[in-house]
Amino acid sequence: MKIIRSSHLASAAVVALLALSAAALAQPAQSPAPAAPPAAASSPMTHPVPGKNMEERVENHIKQLHAQLQITPAEQPQWDQFAQVMRENARDMDQAFLQRAQQYPTMNAMQNMQS
């Protein structure tokens, strides 16, 4: 009789765990929104920078950051290097998105996940 009870107990435990995990997956993850300071409300990260493509958006973002950070003439050489990396990354992202869009119709599930 003990074997039957422990078997029923184990089955009940498995069913309970499955039910709990299913319930956890079914509920949307809700986390309280952090209170943003007033300065963050107007930051470019909360409002996308307008532009046709990633390169154009990044160029607009570089200009906004330059003005916001008040880059001095002494800081300008370092800023130029930083901005160039941002431009190169934007160009690479645009190319990657374009390539994916062109290949998407012929991708299988594995290729889609990898892209």
C-alpha atoms as a PDB file:
ATOM      1  CA  MET A   1       0.000   0.000   0.000  1.00  0.00           C
ATOM      2  CA  LYS A   2       2.905   2.360   0.665  1.00  0.00           C
ATOM      3  CA  ILE A   3       4.159   1.878  -2.880  1.00  0.00           C
ATOM      4  CA  ILE A   4       0.788   2.872  -4.293  1.00  0.00           C
ATOM      5  CA  ARG A   5       0.586   5.939  -2.071  1.00  0.00           C
ATOM      6  CA  SER A   6       4.103   7.123  -2.935  1.00  0.00           C
ATOM      7  CA  SER A   7       3.343   6.486  -6.599  1.00  0.00           C
ATOM      8  CA  HIS A   8       0.179   8.588  -6.327  1.00  0.00           C
ATOM      9  CA  LEU A   9       2.087  11.205  -4.368  1.00  0.00           C
ATOM     10  CA  ALA A  10       4.837  11.352  -6.995  1.00  0.00           C
ATOM     11  CA  SER A  11       2.256  11.618  -9.777  1.00  0.00           C
ATOM     12  CA  ALA A  12       0.462  14.402  -7.940  1.00  0.00           C
ATOM     13  CA  ALA A  13       3.753  16.242  -7.429  1.00  0.00           C
ATOM     14  CA  VAL A  14       4.599  15.987 -11.132  1.00  0.00           C
ATOM     15  CA  VAL A  15       1.133  17.219 -12.131  1.00  0.00           C
ATOM     16  CA  ALA A  16       1.396  20.112  -9.665  1.00  0.00           C
ATOM     17  CA  LEU A  17       4.816  21.126 -11.008  1.00  0.00           C
ATOM     18  CA  LEU A  18       3.587  20.984 -14.582  1.00  0.00           C
ATOM     19  CA  ALA A  19       0.525  23.048 -13.703  1.00  0.00           C
ATOM     20  CA  LEU A  20       2.639  25.654 -11.933  1.00  0.00           C
ATOM     21  CA  SER A  21       5.105  25.947 -14.797  1.00  0.00           C
ATOM     22  CA  ALA A  22       2.273  26.183 -17.329  1.00  0.00           C
ATOM     23  CA  ALA A  23       0.611  28.895 -15.258  1.00  0.00           C
ATOM     24  CA  ALA A  24       3.882  30.801 -14.987  1.00  0.00           C
ATOM     25  CA  LEU A  25       4.392  30.655 -18.749  1.00  0.00           C
ATOM     26  CA  ALA A  26       0.824  31.731 -19.454  1.00  0.00           C
ATOM     27  CA  GLN A  27       1.065  34.890 -17.377  1.00  0.00           C
ATOM     28  CA  PRO A  28       2.723  37.877 -19.010  1.00  0.00           C
ATOM     29  CA  ALA A  29       5.830  39.088 -17.258  1.00  0.00           C
ATOM     30  CA  GLN A  30       4.871  42.295 -15.557  1.00  0.00           C
ATOM     31  CA  SER A  31       7.432  44.334 -13.802  1.00  0.00           C
ATOM     32  CA  PRO A  32       6.737  47.723 -12.343  1.00  0.00           C
ATOM     33  CA  ALA A  33       7.944  50.499 -14.579  1.00  0.00           C
ATOM     34  CA  PRO A  34      10.867  52.303 -12.976  1.00  0.00           C
ATOM     35  CA  ALA A  35      10.286  55.927 -12.220  1.00  0.00           C
ATOM     36  CA  ALA A  36      12.236  57.887 -14.799  1.00  0.00           C
ATOM     37  CA  PRO A  37      13.747  61.196 -13.830  1.00  0.00           C
ATOM     38  CA  PRO A  38      12.452  64.157 -15.862  1.00  0.00           C
ATOM     39  CA  ALA A  39      15.733  64.406 -17.806  1.00  0.00           C
ATOM     40  CA  ALA A  40      15.415  60.808 -18.974  1.00  0.00           C
ATOM     41  CA  ALA A  41      11.926  61.438 -20.319  1.00  0.00           C
ATOM     42  CA  SER A  42      13.345  63.661 -23.047  1.00  0.00           C
ATOM     43  CA  SER A  43      16.374  61.521 -23.840  1.00  0.00           C
ATOM     44  CA  PRO A  44      16.799  60.200 -27.384  1.00  0.00           C
ATOM     45  CA  MET A  45      16.581  56.631 -26.095  1.00  0.00           C
ATOM     46  CA  THR A  46      12.917  57.049 -25.120  1.00  0.00           C
ATOM     47  CA  HIS A  47      12.000  58.604 -28.470  1.00  0.00           C
ATOM     48  CA  PRO A  48      13.475  57.010 -31.563  1.00  0.00           C
ATOM     49  CA  VAL A  49      15.597  59.289 -33.693  1.00  0.00           C
ATOM     50  CA  PRO A  50      13.861  59.826 -37.031  1.00  0.00           C
ATOM     51  CA  GLY A  51      15.547  58.622 -40.201  1.00  0.00           C
ATOM     52  CA  LYS A  52      15.126  56.346 -43.176  1.00  0.00           C
ATOM     53  CA  ASN A  53      17.747  53.796 -42.227  1.00  0.00           C
ATOM     54  CA  MET A  54      20.095  52.960 -39.407  1.00  0.00           C
ATOM     55  CA  GLU A  55      22.918  55.099 -40.792  1.00  0.00           C
ATOM     56  CA  GLU A  56      20.707  58.180 -40.998  1.00  0.00           C
ATOM     57  CA  ARG A  57      19.297  57.610 -37.513  1.00  0.00           C
ATOM     58  CA  VAL A  58      22.795  57.167 -36.092  1.00  0.00           C
ATOM     59  CA  GLU A  59      24.006  60.336 -37.800  1.00  0.00           C
ATOM     60  CA  ASN A  60      21.124  62.251 -36.200  1.00  0.00           C
ATOM     61  CA  HIS A  61      21.907  60.620 -32.857  1.00  0.00           C
ATOM     62  CA  ILE A  62      25.599  61.573 -33.142  1.00  0.00           C
ATOM     63  CA  LYS A  63      24.632  65.206 -33.711  1.00  0.00           C
ATOM     64  CA  GLN A  64      22.254  65.168 -30.740  1.00  0.00           C
ATOM     65  CA  LEU A  65      24.846  63.585 -28.467  1.00  0.00           C
ATOM     66  CA  HIS A  66      27.538  66.018 -29.604  1.00  0.00           C
ATOM     67  CA  ALA A  67      25.333  68.947 -28.643  1.00  0.00           C
ATOM     68  CA  GLN A  68      24.053  67.352 -25.438  1.00  0.00           C
ATOM     69  CA  LEU A  69      27.521  66.366 -24.217  1.00  0.00           C
ATOM     70  CA  GLN A  70      29.009  69.712 -25.242  1.00  0.00           C
ATOM     71  CA  ILE A  71      32.111  68.185 -26.787  1.00  0.00           C
ATOM     72  CA  THR A  72      35.045  70.576 -26.433  1.00  0.00           C
ATOM     73  CA  PRO A  73      37.712  71.118 -29.115  1.00  0.00           C
ATOM     74  CA  ALA A  74      40.142  69.116 -26.951  1.00  0.00           C
ATOM     75  CA  GLU A  75      37.677  66.195 -26.884  1.00  0.00           C
ATOM     76  CA  GLN A  76      36.872  66.403 -30.599  1.00  0.00           C
ATOM     77  CA  PRO A  77      39.516  63.915 -31.874  1.00  0.00           C
ATOM     78  CA  GLN A  78      38.263  61.223 -29.485  1.00  0.00           C
ATOM     79  CA  TRP A  79      34.670  62.099 -30.320  1.00  0.00           C
ATOM     80  CA  ASP A  80      35.393  61.744 -34.035  1.00  0.00           C
ATOM     81  CA  GLN A  81      36.787  58.237 -33.476  1.00  0.00           C
ATOM     82  CA  PHE A  82      33.753  57.294 -31.403  1.00  0.00           C
ATOM     83  CA  ALA A  83      31.349  58.703 -33.988  1.00  0.00           C
ATOM     84  CA  GLN A  84      33.136  56.823 -36.783  1.00  0.00           C
ATOM     85  CA  VAL A  85      32.654  53.526 -34.945  1.00  0.00           C
ATOM     86  CA  MET A  86      28.963  54.350 -34.539  1.00  0.00           C
ATOM     87  CA  ARG A  87      28.706  55.064 -38.288  1.00  0.00           C
ATOM     88  CA  GLU A  88      30.480  51.816 -39.219  1.00  0.00           C
ATOM     89  CA  ASN A  89      28.241  49.799 -36.896  1.00  0.00           C
ATOM     90  CA  ALA A  90      25.134  51.413 -38.405  1.00  0.00           C
ATOM     91  CA  ARG A  91      26.322  50.645 -41.928  1.00  0.00           C
ATOM     92  CA  ASP A  92      27.058  47.022 -40.961  1.00  0.00           C
ATOM     93  CA  MET A  93      23.621  46.691 -39.343  1.00  0.00           C
ATOM     94  CA  ASP A  94      21.893  48.070 -42.438  1.00  0.00           C
ATOM     95  CA  GLN A  95      23.778  45.576 -44.612  1.00  0.00           C
ATOM     96  CA  ALA A  96      22.948  42.682 -42.289  1.00  0.00           C
ATOM     97  CA  PHE A  97      19.237  43.588 -42.229  1.00  0.00           C
ATOM     98  CA  LEU A  98      19.173  43.926 -46.011  1.00  0.00           C
ATOM     99  CA  GLN A  99      20.907  40.584 -46.474  1.00  0.00           C
ATOM    100  CA  ARG A 100      18.488  38.891 -44.069  1.00  0.00           C
ATOM    101  CA  ALA A 101      15.478  40.401 -45.836  1.00  0.00           C
ATOM    102  CA  GLN A 102      16.732  39.120 -49.184  1.00  0.00           C
ATOM    103  CA  GLN A 103      17.420  35.611 -47.855  1.00  0.00           C
ATOM    104  CA  TYR A 104      14.329  35.314 -45.646  1.00  0.00           C
ATOM    105  CA  PRO A 105      11.993  33.746 -48.244  1.00  0.00           C
ATOM    106  CA  THR A 106      14.354  30.798 -48.751  1.00  0.00           C
ATOM    107  CA  MET A 107      15.475  30.308 -45.141  1.00  0.00           C
ATOM    108  CA  ASN A 108      14.629  27.190 -43.221  1.00  0.00           C
ATOM    109  CA  ALA A 109      13.840  27.383 -39.509  1.00  0.00           C
ATOM    110  CA  MET A 110      17.444  26.836 -38.424  1.00  0.00           C
ATOM    111  CA  GLN A 111      18.791  29.548 -40.735  1.00  0.00           C
ATOM    112  CA  ASN A 112      16.063  31.909 -39.550  1.00  0.00           C
ATOM    113  CA  MET A 113      17.023  31.352 -35.907  1.00  0.00           C
ATOM    114  CA  GLN A 114      20.723  31.824 -36.671  1.00  0.00           C
ATOM    115  CA  SER A 115      20.163  35.032 -38.558  1.00  0.00           C
END
